[in-house]
Amino acid sequence: MNDLLLQVVLAVIPAILAITLHEAAHGYAALALGDDTARLAGRLSLNPLRHVDRTGTILLPGFLLIAQLITIHRVEFMFGWAKPVPIGAWKFRNPRGGMAIVAAAGPLANFFLAWLAALALFLVPGDPVGVAGIVQQLLVNFILFNLVLGLFNLLPIPPLDGGRIVVGILPEALAMRWARMERAGILIVLLGVFLLPTMAREFGYNFDPFRQALGAVLPWALRMVLFLSGHAIDGGTDGSFV
């Protein structure tokens, strides 16, 4: 029971911090570009409670956490989102360009946080046991969750950050068409990431494009973060470090 509780804590804390700081980064980027909407709404905060979304921050991550602990007895994948930070794009000198910059701030913050956590690993003993081992696992989970969150949000589907970046750089006519996808964007994501892969497995098919893409990109991203933070990387493909 104690081990199960520890696994929950080691998964939940990094997830909450990564999502909270991701959303705060959007608000601070908007403020830097002249939009104080998030500040006036009280959303320029590092308090996770200010960014909680009932479905994306509590229900879905909770379901994934419990389902994995019951079935495979460990946490391999977490997904969720926070309440979007309000942005007043009309306050930007270039609304589309400003929104693209604000959107990019979230994933960039996640990648920066992953790098900081990799640096913090140097403060943990090389062969950690007890509390030091828990701290190392917490940092590793924080690195992985930030990388997954940042990479996922770069998918070019509105309302994900990648979709809004695409809207900001496409010619106006194409950008308007792409922006209309936002109405069905979350449905597309949920179908492609969760529902269709689950149904495909039930019928014996291996259709999971997001996990397959993530499986290809995540090891490279992890190795890059570890390399940039000064860790010695082994010759494998899983991002292991020594």
C-alpha atoms as a PDB file:
ATOM      1  CA  MET A   1       0.000   0.000   0.000  1.00  0.00           C
ATOM      2  CA  ASN A   2       2.827   2.368   0.881  1.00  0.00           C
ATOM      3  CA  ASP A   3       4.548   1.579  -2.419  1.00  0.00           C
ATOM      4  CA  LEU A   4       1.323   2.240  -4.328  1.00  0.00           C
ATOM      5  CA  LEU A   5       0.873   5.582  -2.578  1.00  0.00           C
ATOM      6  CA  LEU A   6       4.462   6.504  -3.368  1.00  0.00           C
ATOM      7  CA  GLN A   7       3.929   5.687  -7.063  1.00  0.00           C
ATOM      8  CA  VAL A   8       0.864   7.944  -7.081  1.00  0.00           C
ATOM      9  CA  VAL A   9       2.773  10.816  -5.485  1.00  0.00           C
ATOM     10  CA  LEU A  10       5.730  10.399  -7.846  1.00  0.00           C
ATOM     11  CA  ALA A  11       3.370  10.597 -10.825  1.00  0.00           C
ATOM     12  CA  VAL A  12       0.957  13.287  -9.640  1.00  0.00           C
ATOM     13  CA  ILE A  13       3.421  15.917  -8.385  1.00  0.00           C
ATOM     14  CA  PRO A  14       5.447  16.147 -11.629  1.00  0.00           C
ATOM     15  CA  ALA A  15       2.222  16.187 -13.681  1.00  0.00           C
ATOM     16  CA  ILE A  16       0.675  19.035 -11.684  1.00  0.00           C
ATOM     17  CA  LEU A  17       3.872  21.097 -11.747  1.00  0.00           C
ATOM     18  CA  ALA A  18       4.435  20.610 -15.472  1.00  0.00           C
ATOM     19  CA  ILE A  19       0.844  21.502 -16.415  1.00  0.00           C
ATOM     20  CA  THR A  20       0.724  24.497 -14.047  1.00  0.00           C
ATOM     21  CA  LEU A  21       3.996  25.988 -15.268  1.00  0.00           C
ATOM     22  CA  HIS A  22       3.014  25.328 -18.884  1.00  0.00           C
ATOM     23  CA  GLU A  23      -0.131  27.421 -18.469  1.00  0.00           C
ATOM     24  CA  ALA A  24       1.645  30.128 -16.473  1.00  0.00           C
ATOM     25  CA  ALA A  25       4.169  30.441 -19.319  1.00  0.00           C
ATOM     26  CA  HIS A  26       1.347  31.298 -21.735  1.00  0.00           C
ATOM     27  CA  GLY A  27       0.145  34.058 -19.421  1.00  0.00           C
ATOM     28  CA  TYR A  28       3.581  35.563 -18.856  1.00  0.00           C
ATOM     29  CA  ALA A  29       4.346  35.479 -22.592  1.00  0.00           C
ATOM     30  CA  ALA A  30       1.088  37.302 -23.307  1.00  0.00           C
ATOM     31  CA  LEU A  31       1.881  39.886 -20.634  1.00  0.00           C
ATOM     32  CA  ALA A  32       5.302  40.478 -22.172  1.00  0.00           C
ATOM     33  CA  LEU A  33       3.548  41.181 -25.494  1.00  0.00           C
ATOM     34  CA  GLY A  34       1.176  43.705 -23.906  1.00  0.00           C
ATOM     35  CA  ASP A  35      -1.850  41.580 -22.965  1.00  0.00           C
ATOM     36  CA  ASP A  36      -2.763  41.739 -19.270  1.00  0.00           C
ATOM     37  CA  THR A  37      -5.941  39.614 -19.589  1.00  0.00           C
ATOM     38  CA  ALA A  38      -4.461  36.677 -17.679  1.00  0.00           C
ATOM     39  CA  ARG A  39      -3.136  38.937 -14.930  1.00  0.00           C
ATOM     40  CA  LEU A  40      -6.493  40.651 -14.493  1.00  0.00           C
ATOM     41  CA  ALA A  41      -8.183  37.223 -14.326  1.00  0.00           C
ATOM     42  CA  GLY A  42      -5.804  36.091 -11.582  1.00  0.00           C
ATOM     43  CA  ARG A  43      -4.245  33.431 -13.800  1.00  0.00           C
ATOM     44  CA  LEU A  44      -0.633  34.669 -13.621  1.00  0.00           C
ATOM     45  CA  SER A  45      -0.081  32.315 -10.732  1.00  0.00           C
ATOM     46  CA  LEU A  46       2.044  29.306  -9.844  1.00  0.00           C
ATOM     47  CA  ASN A  47      -0.763  28.073  -7.610  1.00  0.00           C
ATOM     48  CA  PRO A  48      -1.997  24.857  -9.294  1.00  0.00           C
ATOM     49  CA  LEU A  49      -5.534  25.402  -7.986  1.00  0.00           C
ATOM     50  CA  ARG A  50      -5.858  28.480 -10.226  1.00  0.00           C
ATOM     51  CA  HIS A  51      -5.318  26.315 -13.309  1.00  0.00           C
ATOM     52  CA  VAL A  52      -7.366  23.225 -12.436  1.00  0.00           C
ATOM     53  CA  ASP A  53      -9.747  21.922 -15.103  1.00  0.00           C
ATOM     54  CA  ARG A  54     -12.194  19.349 -13.740  1.00  0.00           C
ATOM     55  CA  THR A  55     -11.873  17.001 -16.710  1.00  0.00           C
ATOM     56  CA  GLY A  56      -8.327  17.595 -17.898  1.00  0.00           C
ATOM     57  CA  THR A  57      -6.595  18.007 -14.540  1.00  0.00           C
ATOM     58  CA  ILE A  58      -8.583  15.665 -12.300  1.00  0.00           C
ATOM     59  CA  LEU A  59     -10.858  13.141 -14.011  1.00  0.00           C
ATOM     60  CA  LEU A  60      -8.781  12.031 -17.011  1.00  0.00           C
ATOM     61  CA  PRO A  61      -5.360  11.897 -15.266  1.00  0.00           C
ATOM     62  CA  GLY A  62      -7.002  10.191 -12.287  1.00  0.00           C
ATOM     63  CA  PHE A  63      -8.559   7.565 -14.532  1.00  0.00           C
ATOM     64  CA  LEU A  64      -5.254   6.927 -16.333  1.00  0.00           C
ATOM     65  CA  LEU A  65      -3.384   6.723 -13.041  1.00  0.00           C
ATOM     66  CA  ILE A  66      -5.770   4.259 -11.404  1.00  0.00           C
ATOM     67  CA  ALA A  67      -6.172   2.148 -14.550  1.00  0.00           C
ATOM     68  CA  GLN A  68      -2.406   1.722 -14.977  1.00  0.00           C
ATOM     69  CA  LEU A  69      -1.774   0.954 -11.308  1.00  0.00           C
ATOM     70  CA  ILE A  70      -4.522  -1.683 -11.336  1.00  0.00           C
ATOM     71  CA  THR A  71      -3.548  -3.307 -14.640  1.00  0.00           C
ATOM     72  CA  ILE A  72       0.251  -3.029 -14.950  1.00  0.00           C
ATOM     73  CA  HIS A  73       1.072  -1.863 -11.390  1.00  0.00           C
ATOM     74  CA  ARG A  74       3.094   1.114 -12.562  1.00  0.00           C
ATOM     75  CA  VAL A  75       2.568   4.461 -14.276  1.00  0.00           C
ATOM     76  CA  GLU A  76       3.879   4.579 -17.853  1.00  0.00           C
ATOM     77  CA  PHE A  77       1.738   7.275 -19.425  1.00  0.00           C
ATOM     78  CA  MET A  78      -0.101  10.332 -18.153  1.00  0.00           C
ATOM     79  CA  PHE A  79      -2.075  12.902 -20.060  1.00  0.00           C
ATOM     80  CA  GLY A  80      -4.101  15.921 -19.069  1.00  0.00           C
ATOM     81  CA  TRP A  81      -4.581  19.624 -19.472  1.00  0.00           C
ATOM     82  CA  ALA A  82      -5.260  22.677 -17.356  1.00  0.00           C
ATOM     83  CA  LYS A  83      -7.858  25.392 -17.704  1.00  0.00           C
ATOM     84  CA  PRO A  84      -6.678  27.533 -20.650  1.00  0.00           C
ATOM     85  CA  VAL A  85      -5.199  30.894 -19.682  1.00  0.00           C
ATOM     86  CA  PRO A  86      -7.366  33.708 -21.117  1.00  0.00           C
ATOM     87  CA  ILE A  87      -5.584  35.642 -23.847  1.00  0.00           C
ATOM     88  CA  GLY A  88      -6.735  38.895 -25.472  1.00  0.00           C
ATOM     89  CA  ALA A  89      -5.160  38.544 -28.901  1.00  0.00           C
ATOM     90  CA  TRP A  90      -6.588  41.900 -29.998  1.00  0.00           C
ATOM     91  CA  LYS A  91      -4.139  43.577 -27.594  1.00  0.00           C
ATOM     92  CA  PHE A  92      -1.147  42.327 -29.580  1.00  0.00           C
ATOM     93  CA  ARG A  93       0.370  44.493 -32.288  1.00  0.00           C
ATOM     94  CA  ASN A  94       0.193  41.436 -34.564  1.00  0.00           C
ATOM     95  CA  PRO A  95      -2.633  39.220 -33.200  1.00  0.00           C
ATOM     96  CA  ARG A  96      -1.806  36.072 -35.174  1.00  0.00           C
ATOM     97  CA  GLY A  97       1.927  36.368 -34.616  1.00  0.00           C
ATOM     98  CA  GLY A  98       1.407  37.191 -30.959  1.00  0.00           C
ATOM     99  CA  MET A  99      -0.803  34.149 -30.449  1.00  0.00           C
ATOM    100  CA  ALA A 100       1.832  31.958 -32.093  1.00  0.00           C
ATOM    101  CA  ILE A 101       4.482  33.253 -29.694  1.00  0.00           C
ATOM    102  CA  VAL A 102       2.182  32.792 -26.681  1.00  0.00           C
ATOM    103  CA  ALA A 103       1.344  29.257 -27.828  1.00  0.00           C
ATOM    104  CA  ALA A 104       5.026  28.370 -28.265  1.00  0.00           C
ATOM    105  CA  ALA A 105       5.805  29.592 -24.739  1.00  0.00           C
ATOM    106  CA  GLY A 106       4.062  26.589 -23.156  1.00  0.00           C
ATOM    107  CA  PRO A 107       6.082  23.782 -24.821  1.00  0.00           C
ATOM    108  CA  LEU A 108       9.281  25.843 -24.566  1.00  0.00           C
ATOM    109  CA  ALA A 109       8.696  26.185 -20.823  1.00  0.00           C
ATOM    110  CA  ASN A 110       8.281  22.418 -20.557  1.00  0.00           C
ATOM    111  CA  PHE A 111      11.543  21.766 -22.402  1.00  0.00           C
ATOM    112  CA  PHE A 112      13.345  24.324 -20.224  1.00  0.00           C
ATOM    113  CA  LEU A 113      11.940  22.721 -17.061  1.00  0.00           C
ATOM    114  CA  ALA A 114      13.091  19.288 -18.265  1.00  0.00           C
ATOM    115  CA  TRP A 115      16.602  20.703 -18.727  1.00  0.00           C
ATOM    116  CA  LEU A 116      16.575  22.257 -15.224  1.00  0.00           C
ATOM    117  CA  ALA A 117      15.455  18.938 -13.719  1.00  0.00           C
ATOM    118  CA  ALA A 118      18.263  17.155 -15.574  1.00  0.00           C
ATOM    119  CA  LEU A 119      20.735  19.614 -14.052  1.00  0.00           C
ATOM    120  CA  ALA A 120      19.208  18.957 -10.629  1.00  0.00           C
ATOM    121  CA  LEU A 121      19.995  15.248 -11.025  1.00  0.00           C
ATOM    122  CA  PHE A 122      23.638  16.117 -10.419  1.00  0.00           C
ATOM    123  CA  LEU A 123      22.686  17.011  -6.836  1.00  0.00           C
ATOM    124  CA  VAL A 124      21.451  13.468  -6.177  1.00  0.00           C
ATOM    125  CA  PRO A 125      24.025  10.813  -5.140  1.00  0.00           C
ATOM    126  CA  GLY A 126      25.169   8.541  -7.964  1.00  0.00           C
ATOM    127  CA  ASP A 127      23.782   5.406  -6.285  1.00  0.00           C
ATOM    128  CA  PRO A 128      20.765   6.822  -4.474  1.00  0.00           C
ATOM    129  CA  VAL A 129      18.845   4.891  -1.858  1.00  0.00           C
ATOM    130  CA  GLY A 130      16.043   5.932   0.452  1.00  0.00           C
ATOM    131  CA  VAL A 131      15.065   9.582   0.164  1.00  0.00           C
ATOM    132  CA  ALA A 132      17.725  10.250  -2.498  1.00  0.00           C
ATOM    133  CA  GLY A 133      16.223   7.497  -4.659  1.00  0.00           C
ATOM    134  CA  ILE A 134      12.774   9.016  -4.316  1.00  0.00           C
ATOM    135  CA  VAL A 135      14.121  12.439  -5.295  1.00  0.00           C
ATOM    136  CA  GLN A 136      15.861  10.983  -8.335  1.00  0.00           C
ATOM    137  CA  GLN A 137      12.670   9.223  -9.475  1.00  0.00           C
ATOM    138  CA  LEU A 138      10.701  12.428  -8.950  1.00  0.00           C
ATOM    139  CA  LEU A 139      13.145  14.370 -11.112  1.00  0.00           C
ATOM    140  CA  VAL A 140      13.181  11.696 -13.822  1.00  0.00           C
ATOM    141  CA  ASN A 141       9.371  11.654 -13.886  1.00  0.00           C
ATOM    142  CA  PHE A 142       9.371  15.455 -14.073  1.00  0.00           C
ATOM    143  CA  ILE A 143      11.733  15.375 -17.042  1.00  0.00           C
ATOM    144  CA  LEU A 144       9.644  12.778 -18.866  1.00  0.00           C
ATOM    145  CA  PHE A 145       6.296  14.424 -18.188  1.00  0.00           C
ATOM    146  CA  ASN A 146       7.563  17.826 -19.338  1.00  0.00           C
ATOM    147  CA  LEU A 147       8.934  16.314 -22.534  1.00  0.00           C
ATOM    148  CA  VAL A 148       5.719  14.409 -23.256  1.00  0.00           C
ATOM    149  CA  LEU A 149       3.559  17.455 -22.483  1.00  0.00           C
ATOM    150  CA  GLY A 150       5.713  19.742 -24.612  1.00  0.00           C
ATOM    151  CA  LEU A 151       5.898  17.347 -27.558  1.00  0.00           C
ATOM    152  CA  PHE A 152       2.194  16.520 -27.417  1.00  0.00           C
ATOM    153  CA  ASN A 153       1.238  20.187 -27.448  1.00  0.00           C
ATOM    154  CA  LEU A 154       3.293  20.713 -30.588  1.00  0.00           C
ATOM    155  CA  LEU A 155       0.879  18.551 -32.586  1.00  0.00           C
ATOM    156  CA  PRO A 156      -0.435  20.937 -35.282  1.00  0.00           C
ATOM    157  CA  ILE A 157      -4.077  20.570 -34.267  1.00  0.00           C
ATOM    158  CA  PRO A 158      -5.972  23.529 -32.754  1.00  0.00           C
ATOM    159  CA  PRO A 159      -6.546  24.131 -29.878  1.00  0.00           C
ATOM    160  CA  LEU A 160      -3.196  22.515 -29.069  1.00  0.00           C
ATOM    161  CA  ASP A 161      -0.271  24.925 -29.061  1.00  0.00           C
ATOM    162  CA  GLY A 162       1.130  23.480 -32.274  1.00  0.00           C
ATOM    163  CA  GLY A 163      -2.131  24.206 -34.050  1.00  0.00           C
ATOM    164  CA  ARG A 164      -2.060  27.825 -32.928  1.00  0.00           C
ATOM    165  CA  ILE A 165       1.560  28.153 -33.992  1.00  0.00           C
ATOM    166  CA  VAL A 166       0.564  26.894 -37.457  1.00  0.00           C
ATOM    167  CA  VAL A 167      -2.291  29.435 -37.585  1.00  0.00           C
ATOM    168  CA  GLY A 168       0.221  32.161 -36.758  1.00  0.00           C
ATOM    169  CA  ILE A 169       2.647  31.320 -39.565  1.00  0.00           C
ATOM    170  CA  LEU A 170       0.358  30.251 -42.430  1.00  0.00           C
ATOM    171  CA  PRO A 171      -0.892  32.754 -45.010  1.00  0.00           C
ATOM    172  CA  GLU A 172      -4.082  34.390 -43.745  1.00  0.00           C
ATOM    173  CA  ALA A 173      -6.513  32.478 -45.956  1.00  0.00           C
ATOM    174  CA  LEU A 174      -5.055  29.105 -45.007  1.00  0.00           C
ATOM    175  CA  ALA A 175      -4.731  30.182 -41.376  1.00  0.00           C
ATOM    176  CA  MET A 176      -8.457  30.946 -41.165  1.00  0.00           C
ATOM    177  CA  ARG A 177      -9.302  27.489 -42.519  1.00  0.00           C
ATOM    178  CA  TRP A 178      -6.873  25.819 -40.123  1.00  0.00           C
ATOM    179  CA  ALA A 179      -8.267  27.789 -37.173  1.00  0.00           C
ATOM    180  CA  ARG A 180     -11.763  26.413 -37.866  1.00  0.00           C
ATOM    181  CA  MET A 181     -10.429  22.988 -36.878  1.00  0.00           C
ATOM    182  CA  GLU A 182     -10.406  24.195 -33.268  1.00  0.00           C
ATOM    183  CA  ARG A 183     -14.115  23.403 -32.905  1.00  0.00           C
ATOM    184  CA  ALA A 184     -13.406  19.711 -33.325  1.00  0.00           C
ATOM    185  CA  GLY A 185      -9.755  19.708 -32.231  1.00  0.00           C
ATOM    186  CA  ILE A 186     -10.166  18.118 -28.805  1.00  0.00           C
ATOM    187  CA  LEU A 187     -12.469  15.470 -30.284  1.00  0.00           C
ATOM    188  CA  ILE A 188      -9.861  14.674 -32.953  1.00  0.00           C
ATOM    189  CA  VAL A 189      -7.168  14.380 -30.282  1.00  0.00           C
ATOM    190  CA  LEU A 190      -9.243  12.164 -27.994  1.00  0.00           C
ATOM    191  CA  LEU A 191     -10.244   9.914 -30.895  1.00  0.00           C
ATOM    192  CA  GLY A 192      -6.723   9.638 -32.281  1.00  0.00           C
ATOM    193  CA  VAL A 193      -4.903   9.267 -28.966  1.00  0.00           C
ATOM    194  CA  PHE A 194      -7.332   7.201 -26.901  1.00  0.00           C
ATOM    195  CA  LEU A 195     -10.517   5.855 -28.471  1.00  0.00           C
ATOM    196  CA  LEU A 196      -9.368   4.567 -31.868  1.00  0.00           C
ATOM    197  CA  PRO A 197      -6.162   2.902 -30.566  1.00  0.00           C
ATOM    198  CA  THR A 198      -8.164   1.197 -27.806  1.00  0.00           C
ATOM    199  CA  MET A 199     -10.774  -0.061 -30.277  1.00  0.00           C
ATOM    200  CA  ALA A 200      -8.053  -1.188 -32.699  1.00  0.00           C
ATOM    201  CA  ARG A 201      -6.365  -3.264 -29.984  1.00  0.00           C
ATOM    202  CA  GLU A 202      -9.677  -4.958 -29.225  1.00  0.00           C
ATOM    203  CA  PHE A 203      -9.781  -6.160 -32.839  1.00  0.00           C
ATOM    204  CA  GLY A 204      -6.116  -7.174 -32.906  1.00  0.00           C
ATOM    205  CA  TYR A 205      -4.771  -4.184 -34.828  1.00  0.00           C
ATOM    206  CA  ASN A 206      -1.812  -2.048 -33.833  1.00  0.00           C
ATOM    207  CA  PHE A 207      -3.083   1.439 -34.619  1.00  0.00           C
ATOM    208  CA  ASP A 208      -1.631   3.980 -32.205  1.00  0.00           C
ATOM    209  CA  PRO A 209       0.001   6.769 -34.248  1.00  0.00           C
ATOM    210  CA  PHE A 210       0.581   9.109 -31.324  1.00  0.00           C
ATOM    211  CA  ARG A 211       2.305   6.519 -29.157  1.00  0.00           C
ATOM    212  CA  GLN A 212       4.344   5.308 -32.126  1.00  0.00           C
ATOM    213  CA  ALA A 213       5.446   8.851 -32.958  1.00  0.00           C
ATOM    214  CA  LEU A 214       6.154   9.588 -29.310  1.00  0.00           C
ATOM    215  CA  GLY A 215       8.123   6.361 -29.026  1.00  0.00           C
ATOM    216  CA  ALA A 216      10.321   7.574 -31.879  1.00  0.00           C
ATOM    217  CA  VAL A 217      10.775  11.185 -30.747  1.00  0.00           C
ATOM    218  CA  LEU A 218      10.819  10.934 -26.940  1.00  0.00           C
ATOM    219  CA  PRO A 219      14.088   8.933 -26.629  1.00  0.00           C
ATOM    220  CA  TRP A 220      15.816  11.470 -28.888  1.00  0.00           C
ATOM    221  CA  ALA A 221      14.399  14.394 -26.867  1.00  0.00           C
ATOM    222  CA  LEU A 222      15.441  12.767 -23.593  1.00  0.00           C
ATOM    223  CA  ARG A 223      18.967  12.137 -24.842  1.00  0.00           C
ATOM    224  CA  MET A 224      19.187  15.733 -26.050  1.00  0.00           C
ATOM    225  CA  VAL A 225      18.084  17.128 -22.666  1.00  0.00           C
ATOM    226  CA  LEU A 226      20.556  14.902 -20.827  1.00  0.00           C
ATOM    227  CA  PHE A 227      23.352  15.820 -23.264  1.00  0.00           C
ATOM    228  CA  LEU A 228      22.659  19.561 -22.947  1.00  0.00           C
ATOM    229  CA  SER A 229      22.692  19.269 -19.165  1.00  0.00           C
ATOM    230  CA  GLY A 230      26.088  17.565 -19.180  1.00  0.00           C
ATOM    231  CA  HIS A 231      25.164  13.949 -18.492  1.00  0.00           C
ATOM    232  CA  ALA A 232      27.138  11.141 -20.066  1.00  0.00           C
ATOM    233  CA  ILE A 233      24.812   9.175 -22.349  1.00  0.00           C
ATOM    234  CA  ASP A 234      25.231   5.471 -22.988  1.00  0.00           C
ATOM    235  CA  GLY A 235      25.083   3.920 -26.437  1.00  0.00           C
ATOM    236  CA  GLY A 236      21.466   2.748 -26.185  1.00  0.00           C
ATOM    237  CA  THR A 237      18.378   4.251 -27.709  1.00  0.00           C
ATOM    238  CA  ASP A 238      16.333   4.759 -24.545  1.00  0.00           C
ATOM    239  CA  GLY A 239      18.045   7.875 -23.275  1.00  0.00           C
ATOM    240  CA  SER A 240      19.790   6.105 -20.410  1.00  0.00           C
ATOM    241  CA  PHE A 241      22.520   8.047 -18.694  1.00  0.00           C
ATOM    242  CA  VAL A 242      25.464   7.160 -16.519  1.00  0.00           C
END
